[in-house]
Amino acid sequence: MTGTEIYQQSIDKQRILVVGGGSNLIASLILHTLHFHHRKFDFVVAGKPASIQKDAHVIITENVIQPIQYKHHILIIGNSASSEEFDGLEQLADATPKGGTIIYPKANSILNKIGSKDRTDIQSIAYEVYKHEEAEGKTVLISSTKEKFPVELNGDLDLQCVSAGKELLKKIGITSGNFYEAITEYKTS
């Protein structure tokens, strides 16, 4: 499906677009959490037919064809980009409407430049590697209240995806407690 086709079927939904490196894991973490908490949502992956539910209020789209025509409300940029991708990602970010949100990786200088660009009435949220520790060969997330949550994810890219997903989920009403409850049940295989 193209961005235009998805937009036409989801005019009354909050449209979330996930692009860039790690987009598959970011989307997977978001979908897992929403499913875990029995939240209705639609999900569309580029090039695959979509089944849009009438009663889902959120639609998450990953790497859609013609993304600018999707008219997203929230843009999540995964952490990888070459200078060749810069113009396309900047156009997507610039297409974020007033009241919209851009979630981007702080440590990537190219994407930080795109995400932190001053845009009127758009919230920019930078994410980093999620605070964690290694214990007995496992990755343990550390919450802002110092609680610890073991997960089946590891490495900086995975933990950046966790941060990106958590930021998005906050925007659509998933509490930190709900997030940690779901993420500890996330299986990588």
N, C-alpha and C. Protein backbone atom coordinates (compact mmCIF):
# COMPACT_ATOMS: atom_id res chain seq x y z
N MET A 1 0.83 -1.18 0.00
CA MET A 1 0.00 0.00 0.00
C MET A 1 0.88 1.25 0.00
N THR A 2 0.42 2.25 -0.68
CA THR A 2 1.14 3.51 -0.69
C THR A 2 0.71 4.36 0.50
N GLY A 3 1.48 5.41 0.75
CA GLY A 3 1.13 6.33 1.83
C GLY A 3 -0.24 6.94 1.63
N THR A 4 -0.58 7.27 0.39
CA THR A 4 -1.89 7.87 0.10
C THR A 4 -3.02 6.89 0.41
N GLU A 5 -2.85 5.63 0.02
CA GLU A 5 -3.89 4.63 0.27
C GLU A 5 -4.09 4.41 1.77
N ILE A 6 -3.01 4.35 2.51
CA ILE A 6 -3.12 4.16 3.96
C ILE A 6 -3.78 5.38 4.58
N TYR A 7 -3.38 6.57 4.17
CA TYR A 7 -3.97 7.80 4.70
C TYR A 7 -5.48 7.81 4.47
N GLN A 8 -5.91 7.46 3.27
CA GLN A 8 -7.34 7.49 2.94
C GLN A 8 -8.14 6.53 3.82
N GLN A 9 -7.53 5.43 4.25
CA GLN A 9 -8.22 4.46 5.10
C GLN A 9 -8.07 4.78 6.59
N SER A 10 -7.25 5.77 6.93
CA SER A 10 -6.99 6.03 8.35
C SER A 10 -7.09 7.52 8.69
N ILE A 11 -7.95 8.21 8.00
CA ILE A 11 -8.10 9.66 8.20
C ILE A 11 -8.41 10.01 9.66
N ASP A 12 -9.22 9.19 10.33
CA ASP A 12 -9.64 9.50 11.70
C ASP A 12 -8.77 8.84 12.77
N LYS A 13 -7.61 8.34 12.39
CA LYS A 13 -6.72 7.66 13.33
C LYS A 13 -5.47 8.48 13.59
N GLN A 14 -4.84 8.22 14.71
CA GLN A 14 -3.53 8.81 14.96
C GLN A 14 -2.51 8.00 14.17
N ARG A 15 -1.82 8.67 13.25
CA ARG A 15 -0.91 7.99 12.34
C ARG A 15 0.54 8.12 12.80
N ILE A 16 1.17 6.96 12.98
CA ILE A 16 2.54 6.89 13.47
C ILE A 16 3.39 6.25 12.37
N LEU A 17 4.49 6.88 12.04
CA LEU A 17 5.37 6.39 11.00
C LEU A 17 6.73 6.06 11.60
N VAL A 18 7.20 4.82 11.37
CA VAL A 18 8.50 4.38 11.87
C VAL A 18 9.39 4.13 10.65
N VAL A 19 10.53 4.83 10.60
CA VAL A 19 11.44 4.71 9.46
C VAL A 19 12.88 4.56 9.95
N GLY A 20 13.76 4.14 9.04
CA GLY A 20 15.18 4.11 9.33
C GLY A 20 15.65 2.81 9.95
N GLY A 21 16.92 2.80 10.31
CA GLY A 21 17.55 1.61 10.88
C GLY A 21 16.93 1.23 12.21
N GLY A 22 16.67 -0.05 12.38
CA GLY A 22 16.04 -0.51 13.61
C GLY A 22 14.54 -0.34 13.62
N SER A 23 13.95 0.13 12.50
CA SER A 23 12.51 0.39 12.48
C SER A 23 11.72 -0.89 12.75
N ASN A 24 12.23 -2.03 12.29
CA ASN A 24 11.52 -3.29 12.51
C ASN A 24 11.45 -3.62 14.00
N LEU A 25 12.56 -3.45 14.72
CA LEU A 25 12.56 -3.74 16.16
C LEU A 25 11.73 -2.70 16.91
N ILE A 26 11.85 -1.44 16.56
CA ILE A 26 11.04 -0.41 17.22
C ILE A 26 9.56 -0.74 17.07
N ALA A 27 9.14 -1.02 15.84
CA ALA A 27 7.73 -1.35 15.59
C ALA A 27 7.33 -2.60 16.36
N SER A 28 8.20 -3.61 16.36
CA SER A 28 7.91 -4.85 17.06
C SER A 28 7.70 -4.63 18.56
N LEU A 29 8.54 -3.80 19.17
CA LEU A 29 8.40 -3.50 20.61
C LEU A 29 7.10 -2.76 20.90
N ILE A 30 6.75 -1.82 20.02
CA ILE A 30 5.50 -1.06 20.18
C ILE A 30 4.30 -1.99 20.05
N LEU A 31 4.30 -2.80 19.00
CA LEU A 31 3.17 -3.71 18.76
C LEU A 31 3.03 -4.72 19.88
N HIS A 32 4.16 -5.26 20.34
CA HIS A 32 4.13 -6.22 21.45
C HIS A 32 3.48 -5.59 22.69
N THR A 33 3.88 -4.37 23.01
CA THR A 33 3.35 -3.69 24.20
C THR A 33 1.85 -3.41 24.05
N LEU A 34 1.44 -2.92 22.90
CA LEU A 34 0.02 -2.65 22.68
C LEU A 34 -0.80 -3.94 22.74
N HIS A 35 -0.29 -4.99 22.10
CA HIS A 35 -0.98 -6.28 22.12
C HIS A 35 -1.03 -6.83 23.56
N PHE A 36 0.07 -6.73 24.28
CA PHE A 36 0.16 -7.22 25.66
C PHE A 36 -0.92 -6.59 26.53
N HIS A 37 -1.20 -5.31 26.28
CA HIS A 37 -2.19 -4.59 27.10
C HIS A 37 -3.56 -4.48 26.41
N HIS A 38 -3.77 -5.33 25.41
CA HIS A 38 -5.07 -5.44 24.74
C HIS A 38 -5.57 -4.11 24.17
N ARG A 39 -4.64 -3.33 23.64
CA ARG A 39 -4.99 -2.07 22.98
C ARG A 39 -5.19 -2.34 21.49
N LYS A 40 -6.25 -1.81 20.93
CA LYS A 40 -6.51 -1.99 19.50
C LYS A 40 -5.63 -1.05 18.69
N PHE A 41 -5.08 -1.58 17.60
CA PHE A 41 -4.23 -0.78 16.73
C PHE A 41 -4.23 -1.42 15.35
N ASP A 42 -3.83 -0.66 14.38
CA ASP A 42 -3.58 -1.17 13.03
C ASP A 42 -2.08 -1.10 12.79
N PHE A 43 -1.59 -2.02 11.97
CA PHE A 43 -0.18 -2.03 11.62
C PHE A 43 -0.04 -2.34 10.14
N VAL A 44 0.74 -1.53 9.46
CA VAL A 44 0.97 -1.72 8.03
C VAL A 44 2.46 -1.67 7.76
N VAL A 45 2.95 -2.66 7.01
CA VAL A 45 4.34 -2.68 6.57
C VAL A 45 4.34 -2.41 5.08
N ALA A 46 5.31 -1.65 4.62
CA ALA A 46 5.39 -1.29 3.19
C ALA A 46 5.26 -2.51 2.30
N GLY A 47 4.47 -2.35 1.27
CA GLY A 47 4.36 -3.39 0.26
C GLY A 47 3.42 -4.52 0.61
N LYS A 48 2.80 -4.49 1.77
CA LYS A 48 1.88 -5.57 2.15
C LYS A 48 0.47 -5.01 2.28
N PRO A 49 -0.53 -5.81 1.89
CA PRO A 49 -1.91 -5.34 2.03
C PRO A 49 -2.25 -5.10 3.49
N ALA A 50 -3.12 -4.17 3.73
CA ALA A 50 -3.48 -3.82 5.10
C ALA A 50 -4.94 -4.15 5.36
N SER A 51 -5.21 -4.52 6.58
CA SER A 51 -6.58 -4.70 7.04
C SER A 51 -6.79 -3.65 8.12
N ILE A 52 -7.52 -2.60 7.79
CA ILE A 52 -7.71 -1.48 8.71
C ILE A 52 -8.99 -1.70 9.51
N GLN A 53 -8.86 -1.73 10.84
CA GLN A 53 -10.00 -1.92 11.73
C GLN A 53 -10.72 -0.59 11.94
N LYS A 54 -12.01 -0.63 11.98
CA LYS A 54 -12.79 0.59 12.20
C LYS A 54 -12.64 1.12 13.63
N ASP A 55 -12.45 0.23 14.61
CA ASP A 55 -12.44 0.66 16.01
C ASP A 55 -11.04 0.85 16.60
N ALA A 56 -10.00 0.76 15.78
CA ALA A 56 -8.64 1.05 16.26
C ALA A 56 -8.39 2.55 16.06
N HIS A 57 -7.86 3.20 17.09
CA HIS A 57 -7.65 4.65 17.02
C HIS A 57 -6.23 5.03 16.61
N VAL A 58 -5.34 4.03 16.53
CA VAL A 58 -3.94 4.26 16.22
C VAL A 58 -3.55 3.36 15.07
N ILE A 59 -2.75 3.89 14.15
CA ILE A 59 -2.18 3.07 13.09
C ILE A 59 -0.68 3.31 13.05
N ILE A 60 0.07 2.21 13.09
CA ILE A 60 1.53 2.27 13.05
C ILE A 60 1.94 1.74 11.68
N THR A 61 2.75 2.49 10.99
CA THR A 61 3.20 2.09 9.66
C THR A 61 4.72 2.10 9.65
N GLU A 62 5.28 1.03 9.12
CA GLU A 62 6.74 0.91 9.06
C GLU A 62 7.20 0.97 7.61
N ASN A 63 8.11 1.90 7.35
CA ASN A 63 8.74 2.03 6.03
C ASN A 63 7.75 2.00 4.88
N VAL A 64 6.71 2.81 4.98
CA VAL A 64 5.69 2.87 3.95
C VAL A 64 6.24 3.46 2.65
N ILE A 65 5.69 3.04 1.52
CA ILE A 65 6.04 3.61 0.22
C ILE A 65 5.38 4.98 0.13
N GLN A 66 6.06 5.98 -0.38
CA GLN A 66 5.57 7.36 -0.46
C GLN A 66 5.18 7.87 0.93
N PRO A 67 6.11 7.85 1.87
CA PRO A 67 5.77 8.17 3.26
C PRO A 67 5.23 9.57 3.48
N ILE A 68 5.61 10.52 2.67
CA ILE A 68 5.14 11.89 2.89
C ILE A 68 3.63 11.99 2.70
N GLN A 69 3.08 11.12 1.85
CA GLN A 69 1.65 11.13 1.57
C GLN A 69 0.84 10.45 2.67
N TYR A 70 1.51 9.79 3.59
CA TYR A 70 0.87 9.11 4.73
C TYR A 70 0.32 10.13 5.73
N LYS A 71 0.91 11.31 5.75
CA LYS A 71 0.49 12.41 6.63
C LYS A 71 0.49 11.98 8.11
N HIS A 72 1.66 11.57 8.56
CA HIS A 72 1.85 11.10 9.93
C HIS A 72 1.61 12.22 10.95
N HIS A 73 1.30 11.81 12.16
CA HIS A 73 1.24 12.72 13.31
C HIS A 73 2.52 12.61 14.13
N ILE A 74 3.02 11.37 14.22
CA ILE A 74 4.25 11.11 14.98
C ILE A 74 5.22 10.39 14.06
N LEU A 75 6.45 10.89 14.01
CA LEU A 75 7.51 10.30 13.21
C LEU A 75 8.58 9.76 14.14
N ILE A 76 8.91 8.48 14.00
CA ILE A 76 10.01 7.88 14.75
C ILE A 76 11.10 7.55 13.74
N ILE A 77 12.28 8.10 13.98
CA ILE A 77 13.41 7.85 13.09
C ILE A 77 14.36 6.89 13.79
N GLY A 78 14.57 5.73 13.18
CA GLY A 78 15.52 4.75 13.71
C GLY A 78 16.94 5.22 13.51
N ASN A 79 17.86 4.60 14.23
CA ASN A 79 19.24 5.12 14.27
C ASN A 79 20.14 4.57 13.19
N SER A 80 19.96 5.00 11.99
CA SER A 80 20.97 4.84 10.96
C SER A 80 20.55 5.67 9.78
N ALA A 81 21.47 6.33 9.22
CA ALA A 81 21.19 7.12 8.03
C ALA A 81 22.49 7.50 7.38
N SER A 82 22.47 7.46 6.09
CA SER A 82 23.62 7.94 5.35
C SER A 82 23.31 9.35 4.88
N SER A 83 24.29 10.04 4.39
CA SER A 83 24.06 11.40 3.91
C SER A 83 23.08 11.39 2.73
N GLU A 84 23.00 10.25 1.99
CA GLU A 84 22.07 10.16 0.88
C GLU A 84 20.61 10.16 1.37
N GLU A 85 20.37 9.67 2.57
CA GLU A 85 19.01 9.60 3.13
C GLU A 85 18.59 10.93 3.76
N PHE A 86 19.52 11.81 4.00
CA PHE A 86 19.27 13.04 4.76
C PHE A 86 18.09 13.83 4.19
N ASP A 87 18.09 14.10 2.89
CA ASP A 87 17.03 14.93 2.31
C ASP A 87 15.64 14.33 2.49
N GLY A 88 15.53 13.02 2.25
CA GLY A 88 14.23 12.36 2.40
C GLY A 88 13.73 12.39 3.83
N LEU A 89 14.64 12.13 4.78
CA LEU A 89 14.25 12.15 6.19
C LEU A 89 13.92 13.57 6.65
N GLU A 90 14.66 14.53 6.16
CA GLU A 90 14.36 15.92 6.53
C GLU A 90 13.00 16.34 5.97
N GLN A 91 12.67 15.93 4.75
CA GLN A 91 11.36 16.25 4.19
C GLN A 91 10.25 15.61 5.02
N LEU A 92 10.47 14.37 5.46
CA LEU A 92 9.48 13.71 6.32
C LEU A 92 9.30 14.47 7.63
N ALA A 93 10.41 14.84 8.24
CA ALA A 93 10.35 15.58 9.50
C ALA A 93 9.66 16.92 9.29
N ASP A 94 9.99 17.60 8.20
CA ASP A 94 9.35 18.89 7.91
C ASP A 94 7.86 18.74 7.63
N ALA A 95 7.42 17.56 7.21
CA ALA A 95 6.00 17.32 6.93
C ALA A 95 5.20 17.01 8.19
N THR A 96 5.87 16.91 9.32
CA THR A 96 5.16 16.67 10.58
C THR A 96 4.27 17.88 10.87
N PRO A 97 2.98 17.65 11.13
CA PRO A 97 2.07 18.78 11.31
C PRO A 97 2.21 19.46 12.67
N LYS A 98 1.68 20.64 12.78
CA LYS A 98 1.64 21.32 14.08
C LYS A 98 0.95 20.41 15.08
N GLY A 99 1.51 20.36 16.28
CA GLY A 99 0.98 19.46 17.30
C GLY A 99 1.56 18.06 17.20
N GLY A 100 2.37 17.79 16.17
CA GLY A 100 2.96 16.48 15.96
C GLY A 100 4.24 16.30 16.76
N THR A 101 4.83 15.13 16.60
CA THR A 101 6.02 14.77 17.36
C THR A 101 7.03 14.08 16.45
N ILE A 102 8.30 14.39 16.69
CA ILE A 102 9.41 13.70 16.02
C ILE A 102 10.27 13.08 17.11
N ILE A 103 10.49 11.77 17.01
CA ILE A 103 11.32 11.04 17.96
C ILE A 103 12.56 10.59 17.19
N TYR A 104 13.74 10.98 17.66
CA TYR A 104 14.95 10.77 16.87
C TYR A 104 16.14 10.43 17.78
N PRO A 105 17.18 9.77 17.21
CA PRO A 105 18.34 9.39 18.00
C PRO A 105 19.30 10.57 18.20
N LYS A 106 19.56 10.87 19.44
CA LYS A 106 20.40 12.01 19.79
C LYS A 106 21.86 11.83 19.36
N ALA A 107 22.38 10.62 19.46
CA ALA A 107 23.80 10.39 19.21
C ALA A 107 24.19 10.39 17.73
N ASN A 108 23.23 10.24 16.84
CA ASN A 108 23.52 10.24 15.41
C ASN A 108 23.51 11.68 14.92
N SER A 109 24.67 12.19 14.54
CA SER A 109 24.78 13.62 14.22
C SER A 109 23.87 14.04 13.07
N ILE A 110 23.73 13.20 12.05
CA ILE A 110 22.86 13.54 10.92
C ILE A 110 21.40 13.60 11.38
N LEU A 111 20.97 12.57 12.11
CA LEU A 111 19.57 12.51 12.55
C LEU A 111 19.28 13.50 13.66
N ASN A 112 20.27 13.80 14.48
CA ASN A 112 20.10 14.82 15.51
C ASN A 112 19.84 16.17 14.86
N LYS A 113 20.55 16.45 13.79
CA LYS A 113 20.35 17.71 13.06
C LYS A 113 18.92 17.79 12.51
N ILE A 114 18.42 16.68 11.99
CA ILE A 114 17.05 16.65 11.45
C ILE A 114 16.04 16.79 12.59
N GLY A 115 16.20 15.97 13.62
CA GLY A 115 15.21 15.93 14.70
C GLY A 115 15.18 17.17 15.56
N SER A 116 16.33 17.80 15.77
CA SER A 116 16.38 18.96 16.67
C SER A 116 16.14 20.29 15.96
N LYS A 117 15.95 20.25 14.65
CA LYS A 117 15.68 21.46 13.89
C LYS A 117 14.44 22.15 14.45
N ASP A 118 14.50 23.45 14.58
CA ASP A 118 13.40 24.22 15.14
C ASP A 118 12.22 24.22 14.17
N ARG A 119 11.11 23.66 14.61
CA ARG A 119 9.88 23.63 13.82
C ARG A 119 8.76 24.13 14.72
N THR A 120 7.93 25.02 14.21
CA THR A 120 6.87 25.63 14.99
C THR A 120 5.86 24.60 15.46
N ASP A 121 5.60 24.59 16.76
CA ASP A 121 4.55 23.76 17.37
C ASP A 121 4.71 22.26 17.15
N ILE A 122 5.96 21.80 17.03
CA ILE A 122 6.23 20.37 16.90
C ILE A 122 7.15 19.98 18.05
N GLN A 123 6.80 18.91 18.73
CA GLN A 123 7.63 18.42 19.83
C GLN A 123 8.70 17.50 19.28
N SER A 124 9.95 17.76 19.64
CA SER A 124 11.06 16.91 19.27
C SER A 124 11.56 16.18 20.51
N ILE A 125 11.66 14.86 20.41
CA ILE A 125 12.11 14.05 21.54
C ILE A 125 13.32 13.23 21.10
N ALA A 126 14.45 13.47 21.74
CA ALA A 126 15.68 12.72 21.43
C ALA A 126 15.72 11.48 22.32
N TYR A 127 16.20 10.39 21.75
CA TYR A 127 16.39 9.19 22.56
C TYR A 127 17.84 8.73 22.49
N GLU A 128 18.23 7.97 23.50
CA GLU A 128 19.59 7.45 23.60
C GLU A 128 19.53 5.98 23.96
N VAL A 129 20.68 5.37 24.16
CA VAL A 129 20.74 3.99 24.63
C VAL A 129 20.05 3.96 26.00
N TYR A 130 19.10 3.03 26.18
CA TYR A 130 18.36 2.95 27.42
C TYR A 130 19.30 2.61 28.58
N LYS A 131 19.08 3.26 29.70
CA LYS A 131 19.93 3.01 30.88
C LYS A 131 19.77 1.54 31.28
N HIS A 132 20.91 0.88 31.45
CA HIS A 132 20.88 -0.55 31.73
C HIS A 132 22.17 -1.00 32.42
N GLU A 133 22.17 -2.25 32.81
CA GLU A 133 23.37 -2.89 33.31
C GLU A 133 23.37 -4.34 32.83
N GLU A 134 24.53 -4.94 32.86
CA GLU A 134 24.64 -6.36 32.53
C GLU A 134 24.78 -7.12 33.85
N ALA A 135 23.93 -8.12 34.04
CA ALA A 135 23.99 -8.91 35.27
C ALA A 135 23.82 -10.38 34.91
N GLU A 136 24.82 -11.18 35.25
CA GLU A 136 24.80 -12.61 34.99
C GLU A 136 24.52 -12.92 33.52
N GLY A 137 25.14 -12.14 32.64
CA GLY A 137 24.99 -12.35 31.21
C GLY A 137 23.68 -11.86 30.61
N LYS A 138 22.90 -11.15 31.38
CA LYS A 138 21.61 -10.64 30.89
C LYS A 138 21.59 -9.12 30.95
N THR A 139 20.80 -8.54 30.07
CA THR A 139 20.61 -7.09 30.07
C THR A 139 19.45 -6.76 31.01
N VAL A 140 19.67 -5.78 31.87
CA VAL A 140 18.66 -5.37 32.82
C VAL A 140 18.42 -3.86 32.64
N LEU A 141 17.19 -3.51 32.27
CA LEU A 141 16.83 -2.09 32.16
C LEU A 141 16.70 -1.49 33.54
N ILE A 142 17.10 -0.24 33.67
CA ILE A 142 17.00 0.46 34.95
C ILE A 142 16.06 1.64 34.77
N SER A 143 14.97 1.64 35.51
CA SER A 143 13.98 2.71 35.39
C SER A 143 14.45 3.98 36.08
N SER A 144 13.70 5.05 35.90
CA SER A 144 14.05 6.33 36.55
C SER A 144 13.93 6.23 38.07
N THR A 145 13.17 5.24 38.56
CA THR A 145 13.04 5.03 40.00
C THR A 145 13.98 3.93 40.49
N LYS A 146 14.95 3.56 39.64
CA LYS A 146 16.00 2.58 39.95
C LYS A 146 15.50 1.13 40.03
N GLU A 147 14.26 0.88 39.59
CA GLU A 147 13.79 -0.50 39.51
C GLU A 147 14.50 -1.18 38.35
N LYS A 148 14.63 -2.51 38.42
CA LYS A 148 15.37 -3.24 37.41
C LYS A 148 14.46 -4.26 36.73
N PHE A 149 14.61 -4.33 35.39
CA PHE A 149 13.77 -5.18 34.57
C PHE A 149 14.61 -5.96 33.56
N PRO A 150 14.75 -7.27 33.73
CA PRO A 150 15.54 -8.06 32.78
C PRO A 150 14.81 -8.18 31.44
N VAL A 151 15.58 -8.09 30.35
CA VAL A 151 15.01 -8.18 29.00
C VAL A 151 15.87 -9.08 28.13
N GLU A 152 15.30 -9.56 27.04
CA GLU A 152 16.04 -10.40 26.09
C GLU A 152 16.67 -9.58 24.98
N LEU A 153 16.97 -8.35 25.22
CA LEU A 153 17.59 -7.48 24.23
C LEU A 153 18.98 -7.12 24.71
N ASN A 154 19.88 -6.84 23.75
CA ASN A 154 21.21 -6.40 24.16
C ASN A 154 21.86 -5.63 23.04
N GLY A 155 22.87 -4.90 23.39
CA GLY A 155 23.58 -4.09 22.41
C GLY A 155 22.96 -2.70 22.30
N ASP A 156 23.80 -1.75 21.91
CA ASP A 156 23.36 -0.36 21.85
C ASP A 156 22.18 -0.13 20.91
N LEU A 157 22.19 -0.76 19.73
CA LEU A 157 21.09 -0.53 18.79
C LEU A 157 19.77 -1.02 19.36
N ASP A 158 19.75 -2.23 19.93
CA ASP A 158 18.53 -2.74 20.56
C ASP A 158 18.04 -1.81 21.66
N LEU A 159 18.98 -1.32 22.47
CA LEU A 159 18.59 -0.49 23.62
C LEU A 159 18.19 0.92 23.19
N GLN A 160 18.65 1.37 22.03
CA GLN A 160 18.13 2.63 21.47
C GLN A 160 16.70 2.40 20.99
N CYS A 161 16.44 1.25 20.39
CA CYS A 161 15.08 0.92 19.93
C CYS A 161 14.11 0.87 21.11
N VAL A 162 14.56 0.33 22.24
CA VAL A 162 13.74 0.31 23.46
C VAL A 162 13.37 1.74 23.85
N SER A 163 14.36 2.64 23.83
CA SER A 163 14.11 4.03 24.20
C SER A 163 13.12 4.69 23.24
N ALA A 164 13.31 4.47 21.94
CA ALA A 164 12.41 5.06 20.94
C ALA A 164 10.99 4.55 21.14
N GLY A 165 10.86 3.24 21.33
CA GLY A 165 9.53 2.65 21.54
C GLY A 165 8.86 3.18 22.79
N LYS A 166 9.62 3.29 23.87
CA LYS A 166 9.05 3.79 25.13
C LYS A 166 8.57 5.23 24.97
N GLU A 167 9.34 6.07 24.27
CA GLU A 167 8.93 7.46 24.06
C GLU A 167 7.62 7.53 23.28
N LEU A 168 7.49 6.70 22.25
CA LEU A 168 6.25 6.69 21.48
C LEU A 168 5.09 6.21 22.34
N LEU A 169 5.29 5.14 23.06
CA LEU A 169 4.21 4.57 23.87
C LEU A 169 3.71 5.56 24.92
N LYS A 170 4.61 6.36 25.48
CA LYS A 170 4.17 7.42 26.41
C LYS A 170 3.20 8.38 25.73
N LYS A 171 3.49 8.69 24.46
CA LYS A 171 2.66 9.64 23.71
C LYS A 171 1.25 9.11 23.45
N ILE A 172 1.10 7.79 23.46
CA ILE A 172 -0.22 7.22 23.17
C ILE A 172 -0.85 6.55 24.39
N GLY A 173 -0.38 6.94 25.58
CA GLY A 173 -1.07 6.56 26.81
C GLY A 173 -0.63 5.30 27.51
N ILE A 174 0.53 4.77 27.16
CA ILE A 174 1.06 3.59 27.88
C ILE A 174 1.99 4.10 28.98
N THR A 175 1.68 3.76 30.21
CA THR A 175 2.49 4.22 31.34
C THR A 175 3.82 3.47 31.39
N SER A 176 4.76 4.01 32.16
CA SER A 176 6.04 3.34 32.34
C SER A 176 5.85 1.95 32.92
N GLY A 177 4.97 1.84 33.92
CA GLY A 177 4.70 0.53 34.53
C GLY A 177 4.18 -0.46 33.50
N ASN A 178 3.24 -0.02 32.66
CA ASN A 178 2.72 -0.90 31.59
C ASN A 178 3.82 -1.30 30.63
N PHE A 179 4.68 -0.35 30.29
CA PHE A 179 5.78 -0.63 29.37
C PHE A 179 6.71 -1.70 29.94
N TYR A 180 7.15 -1.53 31.18
CA TYR A 180 8.08 -2.49 31.78
C TYR A 180 7.43 -3.87 31.92
N GLU A 181 6.16 -3.89 32.27
CA GLU A 181 5.45 -5.16 32.38
C GLU A 181 5.49 -5.92 31.05
N ALA A 182 5.27 -5.21 29.96
CA ALA A 182 5.25 -5.84 28.64
C ALA A 182 6.66 -6.18 28.15
N ILE A 183 7.60 -5.28 28.33
CA ILE A 183 8.94 -5.46 27.74
C ILE A 183 9.66 -6.65 28.36
N THR A 184 9.39 -6.95 29.62
CA THR A 184 10.04 -8.11 30.24
C THR A 184 9.52 -9.43 29.64
N GLU A 185 8.39 -9.37 28.96
CA GLU A 185 7.83 -10.56 28.31
C GLU A 185 8.17 -10.63 26.82
N TYR A 186 8.89 -9.63 26.30
CA TYR A 186 9.23 -9.59 24.88
C TYR A 186 10.27 -10.65 24.57
N LYS A 187 10.00 -11.46 23.55
CA LYS A 187 10.92 -12.52 23.14
C LYS A 187 11.56 -12.15 21.81
N THR A 188 12.87 -12.33 21.70
CA THR A 188 13.59 -11.94 20.49
C THR A 188 13.50 -12.97 19.39
N SER A 189 13.12 -14.19 19.67
CA SER A 189 13.06 -15.18 18.60
C SER A 189 11.69 -15.80 18.47
